Amino acid sequence: MTVIAELKHCDIVFRGATITNCTGAPRFTADVATDDDRISAVGDLGAVAADEDAPAAGRVLAPASSTRTRTTTRRCSRNPIWR
């Protein structure tokens, strides 16, 4: 994963999502950046430019295996509910 300070641009940023990893760890709110259908950074990505911003406040992201994550990212970014 990219160090946030080095990340300047990505394909998609899901802004303000509630993140859960389904392990029982507490949920937290963060931005999630993706590049080439893979998560590239998680955190406060307010300064990161993206080809597409996906407002995600009030939505839950639950990254799973790499295959599922790529499919989910692709589907979510094309879904009008994210726009």
PDB file of N, CA and C in Angstrom:
ATOM      1  N   MET A   1       0.844  -1.174   0.000  1.00  0.00           N
ATOM      2  CA  MET A   1       0.000   0.000   0.000  1.00  0.00           C
ATOM      3  C   MET A   1       0.892   1.241   0.000  1.00  0.00           C
ATOM      4  N   THR A   2       0.466   2.257  -0.692  1.00  0.00           N
ATOM      5  CA  THR A   2       1.221   3.498  -0.813  1.00  0.00           C
ATOM      6  C   THR A   2       1.180   4.295   0.490  1.00  0.00           C
ATOM      7  N   VAL A   3       2.297   4.906   0.842  1.00  0.00           N
ATOM      8  CA  VAL A   3       2.307   5.834   1.962  1.00  0.00           C
ATOM      9  C   VAL A   3       1.511   7.056   1.525  1.00  0.00           C
ATOM     10  N   ILE A   4       0.569   7.475   2.345  1.00  0.00           N
ATOM     11  CA  ILE A   4      -0.348   8.551   1.963  1.00  0.00           C
ATOM     12  C   ILE A   4       0.388   9.811   1.539  1.00  0.00           C
ATOM     13  N   ALA A   5       1.475  10.157   2.205  1.00  0.00           N
ATOM     14  CA  ALA A   5       2.219  11.379   1.879  1.00  0.00           C
ATOM     15  C   ALA A   5       2.748  11.347   0.447  1.00  0.00           C
ATOM     16  N   GLU A   6       2.973  10.153  -0.108  1.00  0.00           N
ATOM     17  CA  GLU A   6       3.510  10.028  -1.458  1.00  0.00           C
ATOM     18  C   GLU A   6       2.409   9.961  -2.519  1.00  0.00           C
ATOM     19  N   LEU A   7       1.197   9.659  -2.118  1.00  0.00           N
ATOM     20  CA  LEU A   7       0.108   9.489  -3.070  1.00  0.00           C
ATOM     21  C   LEU A   7      -0.428  10.850  -3.509  1.00  0.00           C
ATOM     22  N   LYS A   8      -0.352  11.138  -4.785  1.00  0.00           N
ATOM     23  CA  LYS A   8      -0.832  12.415  -5.327  1.00  0.00           C
ATOM     24  C   LYS A   8      -2.069  12.224  -6.192  1.00  0.00           C
ATOM     25  N   HIS A   9      -2.189  11.070  -6.842  1.00  0.00           N
ATOM     26  CA  HIS A   9      -3.279  10.819  -7.772  1.00  0.00           C
ATOM     27  C   HIS A   9      -3.594   9.329  -7.790  1.00  0.00           C
ATOM     28  N   CYS A  10      -4.868   9.003  -7.988  1.00  0.00           N
ATOM     29  CA  CYS A  10      -5.277   7.607  -8.100  1.00  0.00           C
ATOM     30  C   CYS A  10      -6.483   7.516  -9.030  1.00  0.00           C
ATOM     31  N   ASP A  11      -6.939   6.294  -9.268  1.00  0.00           N
ATOM     32  CA  ASP A  11      -8.084   6.096 -10.153  1.00  0.00           C
ATOM     33  C   ASP A  11      -9.386   6.533  -9.492  1.00  0.00           C
ATOM     34  N   ILE A  12      -9.656   5.981  -8.293  1.00  0.00           N
ATOM     35  CA  ILE A  12     -10.903   6.266  -7.582  1.00  0.00           C
ATOM     36  C   ILE A  12     -10.594   6.515  -6.115  1.00  0.00           C
ATOM     37  N   VAL A  13     -11.271   7.494  -5.509  1.00  0.00           N
ATOM     38  CA  VAL A  13     -11.227   7.661  -4.058  1.00  0.00           C
ATOM     39  C   VAL A  13     -12.662   7.584  -3.545  1.00  0.00           C
ATOM     40  N   PHE A  14     -12.906   6.617  -2.655  1.00  0.00           N
ATOM     41  CA  PHE A  14     -14.173   6.521  -1.939  1.00  0.00           C
ATOM     42  C   PHE A  14     -13.997   7.412  -0.717  1.00  0.00           C
ATOM     43  N   ARG A  15     -14.752   8.504  -0.641  1.00  0.00           N
ATOM     44  CA  ARG A  15     -14.555   9.521   0.394  1.00  0.00           C
ATOM     45  C   ARG A  15     -15.501   9.311   1.583  1.00  0.00           C
ATOM     46  N   GLY A  16     -14.926   9.218   2.780  1.00  0.00           N
ATOM     47  CA  GLY A  16     -15.703   9.182   4.013  1.00  0.00           C
ATOM     48  C   GLY A  16     -16.450   7.896   4.279  1.00  0.00           C
ATOM     49  N   ALA A  17     -15.943   6.776   3.806  1.00  0.00           N
ATOM     50  CA  ALA A  17     -16.613   5.491   4.014  1.00  0.00           C
ATOM     51  C   ALA A  17     -16.382   4.966   5.428  1.00  0.00           C
ATOM     52  N   THR A  18     -17.298   4.152   5.892  1.00  0.00           N
ATOM     53  CA  THR A  18     -17.093   3.416   7.134  1.00  0.00           C
ATOM     54  C   THR A  18     -16.425   2.106   6.745  1.00  0.00           C
ATOM     55  N   ILE A  19     -15.248   1.857   7.306  1.00  0.00           N
ATOM     56  CA  ILE A  19     -14.441   0.701   6.931  1.00  0.00           C
ATOM     57  C   ILE A  19     -14.576  -0.390   7.985  1.00  0.00           C
ATOM     58  N   THR A  20     -14.821  -1.602   7.533  1.00  0.00           N
ATOM     59  CA  THR A  20     -14.808  -2.761   8.415  1.00  0.00           C
ATOM     60  C   THR A  20     -14.048  -3.872   7.701  1.00  0.00           C
ATOM     61  N   ASN A  21     -13.275  -4.626   8.456  1.00  0.00           N
ATOM     62  CA  ASN A  21     -12.536  -5.727   7.828  1.00  0.00           C
ATOM     63  C   ASN A  21     -13.133  -7.081   8.191  1.00  0.00           C
ATOM     64  N   CYS A  22     -14.273  -7.063   8.845  1.00  0.00           N
ATOM     65  CA  CYS A  22     -15.022  -8.278   9.169  1.00  0.00           C
ATOM     66  C   CYS A  22     -14.258  -9.233  10.085  1.00  0.00           C
ATOM     67  N   THR A  23     -13.314  -8.704  10.878  1.00  0.00           N
ATOM     68  CA  THR A  23     -12.571  -9.538  11.821  1.00  0.00           C
ATOM     69  C   THR A  23     -12.998  -9.272  13.252  1.00  0.00           C
ATOM     70  N   GLY A  24     -13.921  -8.342  13.431  1.00  0.00           N
ATOM     71  CA  GLY A  24     -14.322  -7.959  14.769  1.00  0.00           C
ATOM     72  C   GLY A  24     -13.632  -6.702  15.256  1.00  0.00           C
ATOM     73  N   ALA A  25     -12.655  -6.205  14.491  1.00  0.00           N
ATOM     74  CA  ALA A  25     -11.992  -4.944  14.845  1.00  0.00           C
ATOM     75  C   ALA A  25     -13.003  -3.810  14.708  1.00  0.00           C
ATOM     76  N   PRO A  26     -12.847  -2.737  15.485  1.00  0.00           N
ATOM     77  CA  PRO A  26     -13.795  -1.626  15.395  1.00  0.00           C
ATOM     78  C   PRO A  26     -13.822  -1.008  13.991  1.00  0.00           C
ATOM     79  N   ARG A  27     -14.995  -0.587  13.580  1.00  0.00           N
ATOM     80  CA  ARG A  27     -15.130   0.136  12.316  1.00  0.00           C
ATOM     81  C   ARG A  27     -14.515   1.517  12.471  1.00  0.00           C
ATOM     82  N   PHE A  28     -14.109   2.107  11.361  1.00  0.00           N
ATOM     83  CA  PHE A  28     -13.579   3.466  11.389  1.00  0.00           C
ATOM     84  C   PHE A  28     -13.942   4.158  10.087  1.00  0.00           C
ATOM     85  N   THR A  29     -13.918   5.473  10.094  1.00  0.00           N
ATOM     86  CA  THR A  29     -14.237   6.267   8.909  1.00  0.00           C
ATOM     87  C   THR A  29     -12.944   6.699   8.240  1.00  0.00           C
ATOM     88  N   ALA A  30     -12.882   6.522   6.924  1.00  0.00           N
ATOM     89  CA  ALA A  30     -11.675   6.887   6.180  1.00  0.00           C
ATOM     90  C   ALA A  30     -12.004   7.002   4.706  1.00  0.00           C
ATOM     91  N   ASP A  31     -11.051   7.531   3.957  1.00  0.00           N
ATOM     92  CA  ASP A  31     -11.100   7.531   2.504  1.00  0.00           C
ATOM     93  C   ASP A  31     -10.324   6.307   2.032  1.00  0.00           C
ATOM     94  N   VAL A  32     -10.735   5.738   0.891  1.00  0.00           N
ATOM     95  CA  VAL A  32     -10.045   4.578   0.332  1.00  0.00           C
ATOM     96  C   VAL A  32      -9.710   4.886  -1.122  1.00  0.00           C
ATOM     97  N   ALA A  33      -8.431   4.807  -1.466  1.00  0.00           N
ATOM     98  CA  ALA A  33      -7.983   5.048  -2.837  1.00  0.00           C
ATOM     99  C   ALA A  33      -7.731   3.717  -3.536  1.00  0.00           C
ATOM    100  N   THR A  34      -8.074   3.673  -4.818  1.00  0.00           N
ATOM    101  CA  THR A  34      -7.788   2.485  -5.613  1.00  0.00           C
ATOM    102  C   THR A  34      -7.036   2.877  -6.882  1.00  0.00           C
ATOM    103  N   ASP A  35      -6.151   1.995  -7.303  1.00  0.00           N
ATOM    104  CA  ASP A  35      -5.424   2.104  -8.561  1.00  0.00           C
ATOM    105  C   ASP A  35      -5.429   0.733  -9.203  1.00  0.00           C
ATOM    106  N   ASP A  36      -5.758   0.681 -10.483  1.00  0.00           N
ATOM    107  CA  ASP A  36      -5.794  -0.594 -11.197  1.00  0.00           C
ATOM    108  C   ASP A  36      -6.610  -1.633 -10.450  1.00  0.00           C
ATOM    109  N   ASP A  37      -7.761  -1.215  -9.900  1.00  0.00           N
ATOM    110  CA  ASP A  37      -8.689  -2.092  -9.188  1.00  0.00           C
ATOM    111  C   ASP A  37      -8.108  -2.707  -7.917  1.00  0.00           C
ATOM    112  N   ARG A  38      -7.111  -2.061  -7.333  1.00  0.00           N
ATOM    113  CA  ARG A  38      -6.539  -2.513  -6.065  1.00  0.00           C
ATOM    114  C   ARG A  38      -6.490  -1.344  -5.096  1.00  0.00           C
ATOM    115  N   ILE A  39      -6.689  -1.629  -3.819  1.00  0.00           N
ATOM    116  CA  ILE A  39      -6.591  -0.583  -2.802  1.00  0.00           C
ATOM    117  C   ILE A  39      -5.153  -0.107  -2.736  1.00  0.00           C
ATOM    118  N   SER A  40      -4.967   1.210  -2.839  1.00  0.00           N
ATOM    119  CA  SER A  40      -3.610   1.763  -2.798  1.00  0.00           C
ATOM    120  C   SER A  40      -3.346   2.584  -1.542  1.00  0.00           C
ATOM    121  N   ALA A  41      -4.397   3.066  -0.869  1.00  0.00           N
ATOM    122  CA  ALA A  41      -4.206   3.830   0.370  1.00  0.00           C
ATOM    123  C   ALA A  41      -5.530   3.909   1.115  1.00  0.00           C
ATOM    124  N   VAL A  42      -5.412   3.994   2.440  1.00  0.00           N
ATOM    125  CA  VAL A  42      -6.575   4.169   3.310  1.00  0.00           C
ATOM    126  C   VAL A  42      -6.211   5.240   4.324  1.00  0.00           C
ATOM    127  N   GLY A  43      -7.097   6.190   4.555  1.00  0.00           N
ATOM    128  CA  GLY A  43      -6.829   7.238   5.534  1.00  0.00           C
ATOM    129  C   GLY A  43      -7.484   8.544   5.127  1.00  0.00           C
ATOM    130  N   ASP A  44      -6.921   9.647   5.580  1.00  0.00           N
ATOM    131  CA  ASP A  44      -7.404  10.971   5.198  1.00  0.00           C
ATOM    132  C   ASP A  44      -6.748  11.335   3.878  1.00  0.00           C
ATOM    133  N   LEU A  45      -7.490  11.198   2.790  1.00  0.00           N
ATOM    134  CA  LEU A  45      -6.940  11.409   1.446  1.00  0.00           C
ATOM    135  C   LEU A  45      -7.488  12.673   0.803  1.00  0.00           C
ATOM    136  N   GLY A  46      -7.790  13.664   1.637  1.00  0.00           N
ATOM    137  CA  GLY A  46      -8.365  14.910   1.146  1.00  0.00           C
ATOM    138  C   GLY A  46      -7.522  15.617   0.109  1.00  0.00           C
ATOM    139  N   ALA A  47      -6.202  15.463   0.156  1.00  0.00           N
ATOM    140  CA  ALA A  47      -5.314  16.142  -0.787  1.00  0.00           C
ATOM    141  C   ALA A  47      -5.030  15.310  -2.029  1.00  0.00           C
ATOM    142  N   VAL A  48      -5.585  14.119  -2.108  1.00  0.00           N
ATOM    143  CA  VAL A  48      -5.309  13.226  -3.231  1.00  0.00           C
ATOM    144  C   VAL A  48      -6.325  13.476  -4.345  1.00  0.00           C
ATOM    145  N   ALA A  49      -5.825  13.698  -5.553  1.00  0.00           N
ATOM    146  CA  ALA A  49      -6.683  13.860  -6.723  1.00  0.00           C
ATOM    147  C   ALA A  49      -7.018  12.478  -7.280  1.00  0.00           C
ATOM    148  N   ALA A  50      -8.197  12.362  -7.888  1.00  0.00           N
ATOM    149  CA  ALA A  50      -8.616  11.077  -8.443  1.00  0.00           C
ATOM    150  C   ALA A  50      -9.328  11.288  -9.769  1.00  0.00           C
ATOM    151  N   ASP A  51      -9.266  10.279 -10.621  1.00  0.00           N
ATOM    152  CA  ASP A  51     -10.033  10.328 -11.859  1.00  0.00           C
ATOM    153  C   ASP A  51     -11.516  10.357 -11.540  1.00  0.00           C
ATOM    154  N   GLU A  52     -11.897   9.699 -10.446  1.00  0.00           N
ATOM    155  CA  GLU A  52     -13.295   9.663 -10.032  1.00  0.00           C
ATOM    156  C   GLU A  52     -13.386   9.717  -8.512  1.00  0.00           C
ATOM    157  N   ASP A  53     -14.177  10.643  -8.005  1.00  0.00           N
ATOM    158  CA  ASP A  53     -14.476  10.711  -6.570  1.00  0.00           C
ATOM    159  C   ASP A  53     -15.814  10.023  -6.341  1.00  0.00           C
ATOM    160  N   ALA A  54     -15.845   9.125  -5.371  1.00  0.00           N
ATOM    161  CA  ALA A  54     -17.076   8.422  -5.033  1.00  0.00           C
ATOM    162  C   ALA A  54     -17.450   8.772  -3.600  1.00  0.00           C
ATOM    163  N   PRO A  55     -18.412   9.679  -3.392  1.00  0.00           N
ATOM    164  CA  PRO A  55     -18.834  10.012  -2.037  1.00  0.00           C
ATOM    165  C   PRO A  55     -19.365   8.755  -1.345  1.00  0.00           C
ATOM    166  N   ALA A  56     -18.804   8.436  -0.190  1.00  0.00           N
ATOM    167  CA  ALA A  56     -19.165   7.183   0.476  1.00  0.00           C
ATOM    168  C   ALA A  56     -19.634   7.388   1.911  1.00  0.00           C
ATOM    169  N   ALA A  57     -19.894   8.621   2.318  1.00  0.00           N
ATOM    170  CA  ALA A  57     -20.389   8.869   3.674  1.00  0.00           C
ATOM    171  C   ALA A  57     -21.697   8.112   3.862  1.00  0.00           C
ATOM    172  N   GLY A  58     -21.808   7.431   4.987  1.00  0.00           N
ATOM    173  CA  GLY A  58     -22.997   6.644   5.262  1.00  0.00           C
ATOM    174  C   GLY A  58     -22.989   5.275   4.611  1.00  0.00           C
ATOM    175  N   ARG A  59     -21.908   4.949   3.927  1.00  0.00           N
ATOM    176  CA  ARG A  59     -21.758   3.644   3.263  1.00  0.00           C
ATOM    177  C   ARG A  59     -20.661   2.852   3.962  1.00  0.00           C
ATOM    178  N   VAL A  60     -20.743   1.535   3.879  1.00  0.00           N
ATOM    179  CA  VAL A  60     -19.743   0.661   4.488  1.00  0.00           C
ATOM    180  C   VAL A  60     -18.927   0.008   3.386  1.00  0.00           C
ATOM    181  N   LEU A  61     -17.599   0.051   3.529  1.00  0.00           N
ATOM    182  CA  LEU A  61     -16.701  -0.697   2.650  1.00  0.00           C
ATOM    183  C   LEU A  61     -16.085  -1.808   3.474  1.00  0.00           C
ATOM    184  N   ALA A  62     -16.105  -3.005   2.931  1.00  0.00           N
ATOM    185  CA  ALA A  62     -15.555  -4.159   3.628  1.00  0.00           C
ATOM    186  C   ALA A  62     -14.613  -4.890   2.684  1.00  0.00           C
ATOM    187  N   PRO A  63     -13.368  -4.421   2.572  1.00  0.00           N
ATOM    188  CA  PRO A  63     -12.414  -5.073   1.686  1.00  0.00           C
ATOM    189  C   PRO A  63     -12.234  -6.541   2.078  1.00  0.00           C
ATOM    190  N   ALA A  64     -12.194  -7.378   1.059  1.00  0.00           N
ATOM    191  CA  ALA A  64     -12.034  -8.817   1.282  1.00  0.00           C
ATOM    192  C   ALA A  64     -10.824  -9.306   0.500  1.00  0.00           C
ATOM    193  N   SER A  65     -10.927 -10.472  -0.087  1.00  0.00           N
ATOM    194  CA  SER A  65      -9.822 -10.993  -0.879  1.00  0.00           C
ATOM    195  C   SER A  65      -9.587 -10.076  -2.068  1.00  0.00           C
ATOM    196  N   SER A  66      -8.411 -10.176  -2.677  1.00  0.00           N
ATOM    197  CA  SER A  66      -8.070  -9.265  -3.775  1.00  0.00           C
ATOM    198  C   SER A  66      -9.033  -9.409  -4.944  1.00  0.00           C
ATOM    199  N   THR A  67      -9.479 -10.614  -5.253  1.00  0.00           N
ATOM    200  CA  THR A  67     -10.408 -10.801  -6.365  1.00  0.00           C
ATOM    201  C   THR A  67     -11.735 -10.144  -6.054  1.00  0.00           C
ATOM    202  N   ARG A  68     -12.253 -10.357  -4.863  1.00  0.00           N
ATOM    203  CA  ARG A  68     -13.531  -9.772  -4.493  1.00  0.00           C
ATOM    204  C   ARG A  68     -13.423  -8.250  -4.441  1.00  0.00           C
ATOM    205  N   THR A  69     -12.312  -7.729  -3.931  1.00  0.00           N
ATOM    206  CA  THR A  69     -12.139  -6.282  -3.841  1.00  0.00           C
ATOM    207  C   THR A  69     -12.155  -5.646  -5.220  1.00  0.00           C
ATOM    208  N   ARG A  70     -11.455  -6.235  -6.175  1.00  0.00           N
ATOM    209  CA  ARG A  70     -11.437  -5.671  -7.523  1.00  0.00           C
ATOM    210  C   ARG A  70     -12.828  -5.652  -8.127  1.00  0.00           C
ATOM    211  N   THR A  71     -13.568  -6.741  -7.958  1.00  0.00           N
ATOM    212  CA  THR A  71     -14.912  -6.816  -8.510  1.00  0.00           C
ATOM    213  C   THR A  71     -15.824  -5.812  -7.829  1.00  0.00           C
ATOM    214  N   THR A  72     -15.746  -5.714  -6.512  1.00  0.00           N
ATOM    215  CA  THR A  72     -16.584  -4.791  -5.764  1.00  0.00           C
ATOM    216  C   THR A  72     -16.268  -3.354  -6.137  1.00  0.00           C
ATOM    217  N   THR A  73     -14.993  -3.006  -6.218  1.00  0.00           N
ATOM    218  CA  THR A  73     -14.596  -1.649  -6.581  1.00  0.00           C
ATOM    219  C   THR A  73     -15.134  -1.287  -7.952  1.00  0.00           C
ATOM    220  N   ARG A  74     -15.001  -2.187  -8.889  1.00  0.00           N
ATOM    221  CA  ARG A  74     -15.473  -1.935 -10.249  1.00  0.00           C
ATOM    222  C   ARG A  74     -16.983  -1.732 -10.250  1.00  0.00           C
ATOM    223  N   ARG A  75     -17.719  -2.596  -9.555  1.00  0.00           N
ATOM    224  CA  ARG A  75     -19.175  -2.482  -9.515  1.00  0.00           C
ATOM    225  C   ARG A  75     -19.612  -1.197  -8.822  1.00  0.00           C
ATOM    226  N   CYS A  76     -18.988  -0.894  -7.679  1.00  0.00           N
ATOM    227  CA  CYS A  76     -19.381   0.298  -6.918  1.00  0.00           C
ATOM    228  C   CYS A  76     -19.107   1.568  -7.692  1.00  0.00           C
ATOM    229  N   SER A  77     -17.979   1.609  -8.379  1.00  0.00           N
ATOM    230  CA  SER A  77     -17.630   2.845  -9.073  1.00  0.00           C
ATOM    231  C   SER A  77     -18.561   3.095 -10.261  1.00  0.00           C
ATOM    232  N   ARG A  78     -19.199   2.056 -10.768  1.00  0.00           N
ATOM    233  CA  ARG A  78     -20.118   2.220 -11.903  1.00  0.00           C
ATOM    234  C   ARG A  78     -21.566   2.353 -11.442  1.00  0.00           C
ATOM    235  N   ASN A  79     -21.825   2.137 -10.169  1.00  0.00           N
ATOM    236  CA  ASN A  79     -23.178   2.175  -9.653  1.00  0.00           C
ATOM    237  C   ASN A  79     -23.593   3.618  -9.397  1.00  0.00           C
ATOM    238  N   PRO A  80     -24.725   4.058  -9.959  1.00  0.00           N
ATOM    239  CA  PRO A  80     -25.150   5.459  -9.794  1.00  0.00           C
ATOM    240  C   PRO A  80     -25.363   5.873  -8.339  1.00  0.00           C
ATOM    241  N   ILE A  81     -25.617   4.924  -7.451  1.00  0.00           N
ATOM    242  CA  ILE A  81     -25.837   5.269  -6.049  1.00  0.00           C
ATOM    243  C   ILE A  81     -24.582   5.889  -5.426  1.00  0.00           C
ATOM    244  N   TRP A  82     -23.401   5.596  -5.974  1.00  0.00           N
ATOM    245  CA  TRP A  82     -22.140   6.130  -5.457  1.00  0.00           C
ATOM    246  C   TRP A  82     -21.855   7.525  -5.983  1.00  0.00           C
ATOM    247  N   ARG A  83     -22.615   7.990  -6.942  1.00  0.00           N
ATOM    248  CA  ARG A  83     -22.316   9.281  -7.563  1.00  0.00           C
ATOM    249  C   ARG A  83     -23.101  10.395  -6.939  1.00  0.00           C
TER     250      ARG A  83
END
